[in-house]
PDB file of all heavy atoms in Angstrom:
ATOM      1  N   THR A   1      -1.026 -18.454  24.689  1.00  0.00           N
ATOM      2  CA  THR A   1      -0.486 -19.431  23.755  1.00  0.00           C
ATOM      3  C   THR A   1      -0.736 -19.022  22.320  1.00  0.00           C
ATOM      4  O   THR A   1      -0.092 -19.528  21.414  1.00  0.00           O
ATOM      5  CB  THR A   1      -1.119 -20.817  24.003  1.00  0.00           C
ATOM      6  OG1 THR A   1      -2.519 -20.702  23.866  1.00  0.00           O
ATOM      7  CG2 THR A   1      -0.761 -21.331  25.380  1.00  0.00           C
ATOM      8  N   PHE A   2      -1.661 -18.084  22.117  1.00  0.00           N
ATOM      9  CA  PHE A   2      -1.981 -17.643  20.756  1.00  0.00           C
ATOM     10  C   PHE A   2      -1.094 -16.470  20.388  1.00  0.00           C
ATOM     11  O   PHE A   2      -1.131 -15.427  21.019  1.00  0.00           O
ATOM     12  CB  PHE A   2      -3.463 -17.238  20.669  1.00  0.00           C
ATOM     13  CG  PHE A   2      -3.859 -16.758  19.316  1.00  0.00           C
ATOM     14  CD1 PHE A   2      -4.025 -17.653  18.274  1.00  0.00           C
ATOM     15  CD2 PHE A   2      -4.064 -15.409  19.062  1.00  0.00           C
ATOM     16  CE1 PHE A   2      -4.393 -17.211  17.027  1.00  0.00           C
ATOM     17  CE2 PHE A   2      -4.445 -14.962  17.809  1.00  0.00           C
ATOM     18  CZ  PHE A   2      -4.602 -15.884  16.793  1.00  0.00           C
ATOM     19  N   SER A   3      -0.290 -16.610  19.384  1.00  0.00           N
ATOM     20  CA  SER A   3       0.557 -15.506  18.916  1.00  0.00           C
ATOM     21  C   SER A   3       0.524 -15.509  17.397  1.00  0.00           C
ATOM     22  O   SER A   3       1.195 -16.334  16.762  1.00  0.00           O
ATOM     23  CB  SER A   3       1.973 -15.640  19.452  1.00  0.00           C
ATOM     24  OG  SER A   3       2.525 -16.857  19.018  1.00  0.00           O
ATOM     25  N   PRO A   4      -0.280 -14.597  16.810  1.00  0.00           N
ATOM     26  CA  PRO A   4      -0.378 -14.576  15.351  1.00  0.00           C
ATOM     27  C   PRO A   4       0.900 -14.032  14.726  1.00  0.00           C
ATOM     28  O   PRO A   4       1.654 -13.279  15.348  1.00  0.00           O
ATOM     29  CB  PRO A   4      -1.555 -13.662  15.090  1.00  0.00           C
ATOM     30  CG  PRO A   4      -1.600 -12.771  16.267  1.00  0.00           C
ATOM     31  CD  PRO A   4      -1.113 -13.593  17.434  1.00  0.00           C
ATOM     32  N   LYS A   5       1.120 -14.431  13.509  1.00  0.00           N
ATOM     33  CA  LYS A   5       2.289 -13.947  12.781  1.00  0.00           C
ATOM     34  C   LYS A   5       2.033 -12.518  12.317  1.00  0.00           C
ATOM     35  O   LYS A   5       0.916 -12.148  12.002  1.00  0.00           O
ATOM     36  CB  LYS A   5       2.570 -14.837  11.577  1.00  0.00           C
ATOM     37  CG  LYS A   5       2.978 -16.232  11.939  1.00  0.00           C
ATOM     38  CD  LYS A   5       3.255 -17.027  10.683  1.00  0.00           C
ATOM     39  CE  LYS A   5       3.637 -18.440  11.028  1.00  0.00           C
ATOM     40  NZ  LYS A   5       3.868 -19.252   9.829  1.00  0.00           N
ATOM     41  N   LYS A   6       3.088 -11.727  12.286  1.00  0.00           N
ATOM     42  CA  LYS A   6       2.961 -10.359  11.797  1.00  0.00           C
ATOM     43  C   LYS A   6       2.812 -10.387  10.288  1.00  0.00           C
ATOM     44  O   LYS A   6       3.441 -11.185   9.600  1.00  0.00           O
ATOM     45  CB  LYS A   6       4.181  -9.543  12.168  1.00  0.00           C
ATOM     46  CG  LYS A   6       4.243  -9.192  13.624  1.00  0.00           C
ATOM     47  CD  LYS A   6       5.362  -8.206  13.871  1.00  0.00           C
ATOM     48  CE  LYS A   6       5.327  -7.723  15.293  1.00  0.00           C
ATOM     49  NZ  LYS A   6       6.379  -6.744  15.542  1.00  0.00           N
ATOM     50  N   THR A   7       1.957  -9.462   9.791  1.00  0.00           N
ATOM     51  CA  THR A   7       1.772  -9.361   8.345  1.00  0.00           C
ATOM     52  C   THR A   7       2.932  -8.578   7.757  1.00  0.00           C
ATOM     53  O   THR A   7       3.418  -7.616   8.360  1.00  0.00           O
ATOM     54  CB  THR A   7       0.448  -8.669   8.004  1.00  0.00           C
ATOM     55  OG1 THR A   7       0.442  -7.400   8.603  1.00  0.00           O
ATOM     56  CG2 THR A   7      -0.734  -9.470   8.491  1.00  0.00           C
ATOM     57  N   PRO A   8       3.353  -8.944   6.578  1.00  0.00           N
ATOM     58  CA  PRO A   8       4.464  -8.207   5.968  1.00  0.00           C
ATOM     59  C   PRO A   8       3.992  -6.820   5.523  1.00  0.00           C
ATOM     60  O   PRO A   8       2.833  -6.631   5.152  1.00  0.00           O
ATOM     61  CB  PRO A   8       4.849  -9.064   4.769  1.00  0.00           C
ATOM     62  CG  PRO A   8       3.651  -9.886   4.483  1.00  0.00           C
ATOM     63  CD  PRO A   8       2.928 -10.079   5.779  1.00  0.00           C
ATOM     64  N   PRO A   9       4.829  -5.797   5.593  1.00  0.00           N
ATOM     65  CA  PRO A   9       4.429  -4.442   5.177  1.00  0.00           C
ATOM     66  C   PRO A   9       4.174  -4.385   3.678  1.00  0.00           C
ATOM     67  O   PRO A   9       4.770  -5.120   2.905  1.00  0.00           O
ATOM     68  CB  PRO A   9       5.616  -3.575   5.564  1.00  0.00           C
ATOM     69  CG  PRO A   9       6.759  -4.510   5.657  1.00  0.00           C
ATOM     70  CD  PRO A   9       6.201  -5.850   6.041  1.00  0.00           C
ATOM     71  N   ARG A  10       3.255  -3.476   3.310  1.00  0.00           N
ATOM     72  CA  ARG A  10       2.940  -3.291   1.891  1.00  0.00           C
ATOM     73  C   ARG A  10       4.089  -2.598   1.195  1.00  0.00           C
ATOM     74  O   ARG A  10       4.768  -1.749   1.781  1.00  0.00           O
ATOM     75  CB  ARG A  10       1.680  -2.446   1.727  1.00  0.00           C
ATOM     76  CG  ARG A  10       0.437  -3.164   2.090  1.00  0.00           C
ATOM     77  CD  ARG A  10      -0.737  -2.264   1.769  1.00  0.00           C
ATOM     78  NE  ARG A  10      -1.971  -3.010   1.829  1.00  0.00           N
ATOM     79  CZ  ARG A  10      -3.146  -2.495   1.610  1.00  0.00           C
ATOM     80  NH1 ARG A  10      -3.250  -1.222   1.300  1.00  0.00           N
ATOM     81  NH2 ARG A  10      -4.223  -3.234   1.677  1.00  0.00           N
ATOM     82  N   LYS A  11       4.223  -2.916  -0.062  1.00  0.00           N
ATOM     83  CA  LYS A  11       5.281  -2.278  -0.836  1.00  0.00           C
ATOM     84  C   LYS A  11       4.855  -0.878  -1.281  1.00  0.00           C
ATOM     85  O   LYS A  11       5.639   0.056  -1.262  1.00  0.00           O
ATOM     86  CB  LYS A  11       5.651  -3.136  -2.038  1.00  0.00           C
ATOM     87  CG  LYS A  11       6.302  -4.440  -1.652  1.00  0.00           C
ATOM     88  CD  LYS A  11       6.670  -5.246  -2.850  1.00  0.00           C
ATOM     89  CE  LYS A  11       7.307  -6.555  -2.418  1.00  0.00           C
ATOM     90  NZ  LYS A  11       7.639  -7.395  -3.555  1.00  0.00           N
ATOM     91  N   PHE A  12       3.581  -0.719  -1.682  1.00  0.00           N
ATOM     92  CA  PHE A  12       3.067   0.567  -2.130  1.00  0.00           C
ATOM     93  C   PHE A  12       1.829   0.901  -1.306  1.00  0.00           C
ATOM     94  O   PHE A  12       1.031   0.025  -0.986  1.00  0.00           O
ATOM     95  CB  PHE A  12       2.697   0.529  -3.614  1.00  0.00           C
ATOM     96  CG  PHE A  12       3.887   0.336  -4.508  1.00  0.00           C
ATOM     97  CD1 PHE A  12       4.122  -0.882  -5.117  1.00  0.00           C
ATOM     98  CD2 PHE A  12       4.764   1.383  -4.751  1.00  0.00           C
ATOM     99  CE1 PHE A  12       5.211  -1.054  -5.936  1.00  0.00           C
ATOM    100  CE2 PHE A  12       5.854   1.206  -5.566  1.00  0.00           C
ATOM    101  CZ  PHE A  12       6.090  -0.015  -6.171  1.00  0.00           C
ATOM    102  N   ALA A  13       1.641   2.184  -1.010  1.00  0.00           N
ATOM    103  CA  ALA A  13       0.469   2.605  -0.257  1.00  0.00           C
ATOM    104  C   ALA A  13      -0.786   2.443  -1.088  1.00  0.00           C
ATOM    105  O   ALA A  13      -1.843   2.123  -0.583  1.00  0.00           O
ATOM    106  CB  ALA A  13       0.616   4.051   0.187  1.00  0.00           C
ATOM    107  N   SER A  14      -0.675   2.629  -2.382  1.00  0.00           N
ATOM    108  CA  SER A  14      -1.824   2.497  -3.266  1.00  0.00           C
ATOM    109  C   SER A  14      -1.400   1.743  -4.509  1.00  0.00           C
ATOM    110  O   SER A  14      -0.308   1.951  -5.038  1.00  0.00           O
ATOM    111  CB  SER A  14      -2.355   3.878  -3.641  1.00  0.00           C
ATOM    112  OG  SER A  14      -3.378   3.747  -4.599  1.00  0.00           O
ATOM    113  N   LEU A  15      -2.270   0.862  -4.968  1.00  0.00           N
ATOM    114  CA  LEU A  15      -1.975   0.127  -6.190  1.00  0.00           C
ATOM    115  C   LEU A  15      -2.386   0.922  -7.425  1.00  0.00           C
ATOM    116  O   LEU A  15      -2.058   0.553  -8.537  1.00  0.00           O
ATOM    117  CB  LEU A  15      -2.700  -1.221  -6.167  1.00  0.00           C
ATOM    118  CG  LEU A  15      -2.255  -2.166  -5.044  1.00  0.00           C
ATOM    119  CD1 LEU A  15      -3.110  -3.424  -5.060  1.00  0.00           C
ATOM    120  CD2 LEU A  15      -0.792  -2.505  -5.148  1.00  0.00           C
ATOM    121  N   SER A  16      -3.119   2.015  -7.214  1.00  0.00           N
ATOM    122  CA  SER A  16      -3.560   2.848  -8.321  1.00  0.00           C
ATOM    123  C   SER A  16      -2.445   3.804  -8.737  1.00  0.00           C
ATOM    124  O   SER A  16      -1.681   4.285  -7.914  1.00  0.00           O
ATOM    125  CB  SER A  16      -4.790   3.653  -7.907  1.00  0.00           C
ATOM    126  OG  SER A  16      -5.111   4.574  -8.889  1.00  0.00           O
ATOM    127  N   ASN A  17      -2.375   4.074 -10.009  1.00  0.00           N
ATOM    128  CA  ASN A  17      -1.365   5.019 -10.477  1.00  0.00           C
ATOM    129  C   ASN A  17      -1.908   6.437 -10.563  1.00  0.00           C
ATOM    130  O   ASN A  17      -1.236   7.323 -11.081  1.00  0.00           O
ATOM    131  CB  ASN A  17      -0.791   4.571 -11.817  1.00  0.00           C
ATOM    132  CG  ASN A  17      -1.849   4.519 -12.902  1.00  0.00           C
ATOM    133  OD1 ASN A  17      -3.011   4.783 -12.633  1.00  0.00           O
ATOM    134  ND2 ASN A  17      -1.440   4.189 -14.113  1.00  0.00           N
ATOM    135  N   LEU A  18      -3.132   6.672 -10.042  1.00  0.00           N
ATOM    136  CA  LEU A  18      -3.718   8.020 -10.085  1.00  0.00           C
ATOM    137  C   LEU A  18      -2.944   9.001  -9.214  1.00  0.00           C
ATOM    138  O   LEU A  18      -2.874  10.183  -9.519  1.00  0.00           O
ATOM    139  CB  LEU A  18      -5.180   7.984  -9.651  1.00  0.00           C
ATOM    140  CG  LEU A  18      -6.144   7.261 -10.584  1.00  0.00           C
ATOM    141  CD1 LEU A  18      -7.538   7.268  -9.991  1.00  0.00           C
ATOM    142  CD2 LEU A  18      -6.147   7.919 -11.948  1.00  0.00           C
ATOM    143  N   ASN A  19      -2.365   8.496  -8.122  1.00  0.00           N
ATOM    144  CA  ASN A  19      -1.647   9.416  -7.249  1.00  0.00           C
ATOM    145  C   ASN A  19      -0.323   9.864  -7.871  1.00  0.00           C
ATOM    146  O   ASN A  19       0.275  10.820  -7.412  1.00  0.00           O
ATOM    147  CB  ASN A  19      -1.407   8.793  -5.883  1.00  0.00           C
ATOM    148  CG  ASN A  19      -0.588   7.517  -5.977  1.00  0.00           C
ATOM    149  OD1 ASN A  19      -0.393   6.970  -7.056  1.00  0.00           O
ATOM    150  ND2 ASN A  19      -0.132   7.033  -4.832  1.00  0.00           N
ATOM    151  N   LEU A  20       0.114   9.181  -8.900  1.00  0.00           N
ATOM    152  CA  LEU A  20       1.351   9.571  -9.566  1.00  0.00           C
ATOM    153  C   LEU A  20       1.127  10.670 -10.605  1.00  0.00           C
ATOM    154  O   LEU A  20       2.067  11.326 -11.027  1.00  0.00           O
ATOM    155  CB  LEU A  20       2.006   8.355 -10.240  1.00  0.00           C
ATOM    156  CG  LEU A  20       2.343   7.185  -9.298  1.00  0.00           C
ATOM    157  CD1 LEU A  20       2.867   6.008 -10.099  1.00  0.00           C
ATOM    158  CD2 LEU A  20       3.339   7.625  -8.242  1.00  0.00           C
ATOM    159  N   LEU A  21      -0.133  10.860 -11.009  1.00  0.00           N
ATOM    160  CA  LEU A  21      -0.450  11.861 -12.033  1.00  0.00           C
ATOM    161  C   LEU A  21      -0.679  13.223 -11.390  1.00  0.00           C
ATOM    162  O   LEU A  21      -1.196  13.323 -10.280  1.00  0.00           O
ATOM    163  CB  LEU A  21      -1.711  11.449 -12.798  1.00  0.00           C
ATOM    164  CG  LEU A  21      -1.659  10.109 -13.535  1.00  0.00           C
ATOM    165  CD1 LEU A  21      -3.020   9.810 -14.134  1.00  0.00           C
ATOM    166  CD2 LEU A  21      -0.600  10.130 -14.616  1.00  0.00           C
ATOM    167  N   ASP A  22      -0.337  14.270 -12.088  1.00  0.00           N
ATOM    168  CA  ASP A  22      -0.628  15.606 -11.584  1.00  0.00           C
ATOM    169  C   ASP A  22      -2.095  15.947 -11.877  1.00  0.00           C
ATOM    170  O   ASP A  22      -2.784  15.235 -12.601  1.00  0.00           O
ATOM    171  CB  ASP A  22       0.321  16.646 -12.191  1.00  0.00           C
ATOM    172  CG  ASP A  22       0.166  16.745 -13.689  1.00  0.00           C
ATOM    173  OD1 ASP A  22       0.590  15.808 -14.400  1.00  0.00           O
ATOM    174  OD2 ASP A  22      -0.378  17.763 -14.130  1.00  0.00           O
ATOM    175  N   ARG A  23      -2.567  17.041 -11.319  1.00  0.00           N
ATOM    176  CA  ARG A  23      -3.986  17.396 -11.401  1.00  0.00           C
ATOM    177  C   ARG A  23      -4.466  17.567 -12.846  1.00  0.00           C
ATOM    178  O   ARG A  23      -5.532  17.087 -13.205  1.00  0.00           O
ATOM    179  CB  ARG A  23      -4.239  18.684 -10.616  1.00  0.00           C
ATOM    180  CG  ARG A  23      -5.681  19.098 -10.642  1.00  0.00           C
ATOM    181  CD  ARG A  23      -5.906  20.377  -9.880  1.00  0.00           C
ATOM    182  NE  ARG A  23      -7.258  20.839 -10.125  1.00  0.00           N
ATOM    183  CZ  ARG A  23      -8.040  21.338  -9.201  1.00  0.00           C
ATOM    184  NH1 ARG A  23      -7.634  21.458  -7.985  1.00  0.00           N
ATOM    185  NH2 ARG A  23      -9.247  21.738  -9.515  1.00  0.00           N
ATOM    186  N   SER A  24      -3.718  18.265 -13.669  1.00  0.00           N
ATOM    187  CA  SER A  24      -4.176  18.513 -15.043  1.00  0.00           C
ATOM    188  C   SER A  24      -4.279  17.204 -15.821  1.00  0.00           C
ATOM    189  O   SER A  24      -5.215  17.008 -16.597  1.00  0.00           O
ATOM    190  CB  SER A  24      -3.245  19.497 -15.745  1.00  0.00           C
ATOM    191  OG  SER A  24      -1.934  18.959 -15.814  1.00  0.00           O
ATOM    192  N   THR A  25      -3.354  16.283 -15.606  1.00  0.00           N
ATOM    193  CA  THR A  25      -3.405  14.996 -16.299  1.00  0.00           C
ATOM    194  C   THR A  25      -4.603  14.194 -15.822  1.00  0.00           C
ATOM    195  O   THR A  25      -5.287  13.551 -16.627  1.00  0.00           O
ATOM    196  CB  THR A  25      -2.103  14.206 -16.063  1.00  0.00           C
ATOM    197  OG1 THR A  25      -0.988  15.036 -16.350  1.00  0.00           O
ATOM    198  CG2 THR A  25      -2.052  12.969 -16.921  1.00  0.00           C
TER     199      THR A  25
END
């Protein structure tokens, strides 16, 4: 009788913008 609702998928894998920067930056 227990059926939890599915969580919605995340829009971004990371909220940090560090992964968008290249190594030198």
